């Protein structure tokens, strides 16, 4: 906001938020939390679009949208897993052990 004041507050996590990420088109905002969940919001209206409870066995460390579309979201938890999610359905596409960070390559094909 130009005034420096918050325009809206998005409520939906039980504990504090650890990470946020805007989708490439700016229409969605994802948040990961110490409550082990992920939330996806309409960035304009603040409406909750998707709740992924128990996304990780421990706190969500990072969330990141793919730079090429707003349907794929990567997350890393303090449980050491890196996961990719289909935001529209809330389904996990895959999970691998040993993840610390979630960063998409510029073309959206690779997650490091």
C-alpha atoms as a PDB file:
ATOM      1  CA  UNK A   1       0.000   0.000   0.000  1.00  0.00           C
ATOM      2  CA  UNK A   2       1.183   3.503  -0.719  1.00  0.00           C
ATOM      3  CA  UNK A   3       0.432   4.513   2.845  1.00  0.00           C
ATOM      4  CA  UNK A   4       2.569   1.735   4.316  1.00  0.00           C
ATOM      5  CA  UNK A   5      -0.507   0.227   5.954  1.00  0.00           C
ATOM      6  CA  UNK A   6      -1.667  -3.317   5.291  1.00  0.00           C
ATOM      7  CA  UNK A   7      -4.540  -3.489   2.820  1.00  0.00           C
ATOM      8  CA  UNK A   8      -5.764  -6.851   4.078  1.00  0.00           C
ATOM      9  CA  UNK A   9      -4.822  -9.705   6.375  1.00  0.00           C
ATOM     10  CA  UNK A  10      -5.136 -13.282   5.195  1.00  0.00           C
ATOM     11  CA  UNK A  11      -6.120 -15.530   8.073  1.00  0.00           C
ATOM     12  CA  UNK A  12      -5.928 -19.283   7.900  1.00  0.00           C
ATOM     13  CA  UNK A  13      -2.796 -20.596   9.591  1.00  0.00           C
ATOM     14  CA  UNK A  14      -2.789 -21.655  13.227  1.00  0.00           C
ATOM     15  CA  UNK A  15       0.880 -20.725  13.788  1.00  0.00           C
ATOM     16  CA  UNK A  16       3.151 -18.128  12.233  1.00  0.00           C
ATOM     17  CA  UNK A  17       3.976 -18.043   8.545  1.00  0.00           C
ATOM     18  CA  UNK A  18       7.502 -19.051   7.537  1.00  0.00           C
ATOM     19  CA  UNK A  19       7.433 -18.434   3.774  1.00  0.00           C
ATOM     20  CA  UNK A  20       5.350 -16.756   1.071  1.00  0.00           C
ATOM     21  CA  UNK A  21       5.513 -16.788  -2.723  1.00  0.00           C
ATOM     22  CA  UNK A  22       3.584 -15.011  -5.482  1.00  0.00           C
ATOM     23  CA  UNK A  23       2.628 -16.918  -8.621  1.00  0.00           C
ATOM     24  CA  UNK A  24       4.220 -15.713 -11.870  1.00  0.00           C
ATOM     25  CA  UNK A  25       0.987 -14.017 -12.962  1.00  0.00           C
ATOM     26  CA  UNK A  26       0.622 -12.313  -9.573  1.00  0.00           C
ATOM     27  CA  UNK A  27      -2.863 -13.743  -9.061  1.00  0.00           C
ATOM     28  CA  UNK A  28      -2.042 -16.242  -6.306  1.00  0.00           C
ATOM     29  CA  UNK A  29      -0.080 -16.110  -3.090  1.00  0.00           C
ATOM     30  CA  UNK A  30       1.111 -19.251  -1.312  1.00  0.00           C
ATOM     31  CA  UNK A  31       2.092 -19.382   2.338  1.00  0.00           C
ATOM     32  CA  UNK A  32       3.805 -22.070   4.380  1.00  0.00           C
ATOM     33  CA  UNK A  33       3.600 -22.183   8.145  1.00  0.00           C
ATOM     34  CA  UNK A  34       4.909 -23.591  11.385  1.00  0.00           C
ATOM     35  CA  UNK A  35       1.563 -25.434  11.582  1.00  0.00           C
ATOM     36  CA  UNK A  36       2.903 -27.804   8.843  1.00  0.00           C
ATOM     37  CA  UNK A  37       0.369 -26.513   6.315  1.00  0.00           C
ATOM     38  CA  UNK A  38       0.296 -24.640   3.032  1.00  0.00           C
ATOM     39  CA  UNK A  39      -2.350 -22.133   2.041  1.00  0.00           C
ATOM     40  CA  UNK A  40      -2.990 -20.671  -1.414  1.00  0.00           C
ATOM     41  CA  UNK A  41      -4.796 -17.354  -1.624  1.00  0.00           C
ATOM     42  CA  UNK A  42      -6.288 -15.144  -4.285  1.00  0.00           C
ATOM     43  CA  UNK A  43      -3.726 -12.331  -4.162  1.00  0.00           C
ATOM     44  CA  UNK A  44      -6.280  -9.689  -5.119  1.00  0.00           C
ATOM     45  CA  UNK A  45      -9.276 -10.562  -2.953  1.00  0.00           C
ATOM     46  CA  UNK A  46      -7.513 -12.414  -0.130  1.00  0.00           C
ATOM     47  CA  UNK A  47      -9.872 -15.386  -0.492  1.00  0.00           C
ATOM     48  CA  UNK A  48      -8.500 -18.766   0.553  1.00  0.00           C
ATOM     49  CA  UNK A  49      -8.363 -20.949  -2.578  1.00  0.00           C
ATOM     50  CA  UNK A  50      -6.672 -24.084  -1.250  1.00  0.00           C
ATOM     51  CA  UNK A  51      -5.668 -25.457   2.141  1.00  0.00           C
ATOM     52  CA  UNK A  52      -3.122 -28.272   2.256  1.00  0.00           C
ATOM     53  CA  UNK A  53      -3.063 -29.411   5.864  1.00  0.00           C
ATOM     54  CA  UNK A  54      -0.225 -31.643   7.062  1.00  0.00           C
ATOM     55  CA  UNK A  55       1.768 -30.816   3.932  1.00  0.00           C
ATOM     56  CA  UNK A  56       4.902 -31.813   5.832  1.00  0.00           C
ATOM     57  CA  UNK A  57       5.671 -33.820   8.954  1.00  0.00           C
ATOM     58  CA  UNK A  58       7.259 -30.738  10.485  1.00  0.00           C
ATOM     59  CA  UNK A  59       7.155 -26.998   9.825  1.00  0.00           C
ATOM     60  CA  UNK A  60       7.039 -25.777   6.239  1.00  0.00           C
ATOM     61  CA  UNK A  61      10.373 -24.094   5.553  1.00  0.00           C
ATOM     62  CA  UNK A  62       9.764 -22.664   2.072  1.00  0.00           C
ATOM     63  CA  UNK A  63       7.138 -22.461  -0.652  1.00  0.00           C
ATOM     64  CA  UNK A  64       7.782 -21.400  -4.242  1.00  0.00           C
ATOM     65  CA  UNK A  65       5.560 -21.207  -7.306  1.00  0.00           C
ATOM     66  CA  UNK A  66       6.839 -22.360 -10.669  1.00  0.00           C
ATOM     67  CA  UNK A  67       7.958 -19.348 -12.733  1.00  0.00           C
ATOM     68  CA  UNK A  68       6.040 -20.655 -15.754  1.00  0.00           C
ATOM     69  CA  UNK A  69       2.586 -21.371 -14.322  1.00  0.00           C
ATOM     70  CA  UNK A  70       0.497 -20.834 -11.220  1.00  0.00           C
ATOM     71  CA  UNK A  71      -0.559 -24.481 -10.817  1.00  0.00           C
ATOM     72  CA  UNK A  72       2.725 -25.977  -9.608  1.00  0.00           C
ATOM     73  CA  UNK A  73       4.084 -25.217  -6.167  1.00  0.00           C
ATOM     74  CA  UNK A  74       7.219 -26.591  -4.521  1.00  0.00           C
ATOM     75  CA  UNK A  75       7.624 -26.841  -0.763  1.00  0.00           C
ATOM     76  CA  UNK A  76      10.337 -27.882   1.639  1.00  0.00           C
ATOM     77  CA  UNK A  77       9.685 -28.892   5.215  1.00  0.00           C
ATOM     78  CA  UNK A  78      11.856 -29.171   8.273  1.00  0.00           C
ATOM     79  CA  UNK A  79      11.126 -32.890   7.912  1.00  0.00           C
ATOM     80  CA  UNK A  80      13.714 -32.873   5.096  1.00  0.00           C
ATOM     81  CA  UNK A  81      11.317 -33.476   2.208  1.00  0.00           C
ATOM     82  CA  UNK A  82      10.958 -31.521  -1.024  1.00  0.00           C
ATOM     83  CA  UNK A  83       7.491 -31.814  -2.560  1.00  0.00           C
ATOM     84  CA  UNK A  84       5.690 -30.569  -5.619  1.00  0.00           C
ATOM     85  CA  UNK A  85       1.968 -29.802  -5.459  1.00  0.00           C
ATOM     86  CA  UNK A  86      -0.820 -29.311  -7.960  1.00  0.00           C
ATOM     87  CA  UNK A  87      -2.379 -26.170  -6.522  1.00  0.00           C
ATOM     88  CA  UNK A  88      -5.737 -26.599  -8.271  1.00  0.00           C
ATOM     89  CA  UNK A  89      -6.382 -30.072  -6.853  1.00  0.00           C
ATOM     90  CA  UNK A  90      -4.183 -29.926  -3.746  1.00  0.00           C
ATOM     91  CA  UNK A  91      -2.604 -33.238  -4.776  1.00  0.00           C
ATOM     92  CA  UNK A  92       1.056 -33.927  -4.163  1.00  0.00           C
ATOM     93  CA  UNK A  93       2.775 -34.725  -7.469  1.00  0.00           C
ATOM     94  CA  UNK A  94       5.963 -36.131  -5.951  1.00  0.00           C
ATOM     95  CA  UNK A  95       8.164 -36.085  -2.871  1.00  0.00           C
ATOM     96  CA  UNK A  96      11.901 -36.647  -2.335  1.00  0.00           C
ATOM     97  CA  UNK A  97      13.963 -36.901   0.836  1.00  0.00           C
ATOM     98  CA  UNK A  98      16.850 -34.589   1.597  1.00  0.00           C
ATOM     99  CA  UNK A  99      15.413 -31.248   0.532  1.00  0.00           C
ATOM    100  CA  UNK A 100      16.608 -28.016   2.137  1.00  0.00           C
ATOM    101  CA  UNK A 101      15.436 -25.381  -0.344  1.00  0.00           C
ATOM    102  CA  UNK A 102      12.902 -25.145  -3.158  1.00  0.00           C
ATOM    103  CA  UNK A 103      13.966 -23.059  -6.120  1.00  0.00           C
ATOM    104  CA  UNK A 104      12.659 -23.536  -9.651  1.00  0.00           C
ATOM    105  CA  UNK A 105      14.900 -23.024 -12.660  1.00  0.00           C
ATOM    106  CA  UNK A 106      13.822 -20.085 -14.880  1.00  0.00           C
ATOM    107  CA  UNK A 107      12.119 -22.457 -17.358  1.00  0.00           C
ATOM    108  CA  UNK A 108      10.230 -24.224 -14.537  1.00  0.00           C
ATOM    109  CA  UNK A 109      11.556 -27.669 -15.457  1.00  0.00           C
ATOM    110  CA  UNK A 110      13.953 -28.242 -12.588  1.00  0.00           C
ATOM    111  CA  UNK A 111      13.715 -27.745  -8.828  1.00  0.00           C
ATOM    112  CA  UNK A 112      16.879 -27.440  -6.758  1.00  0.00           C
END
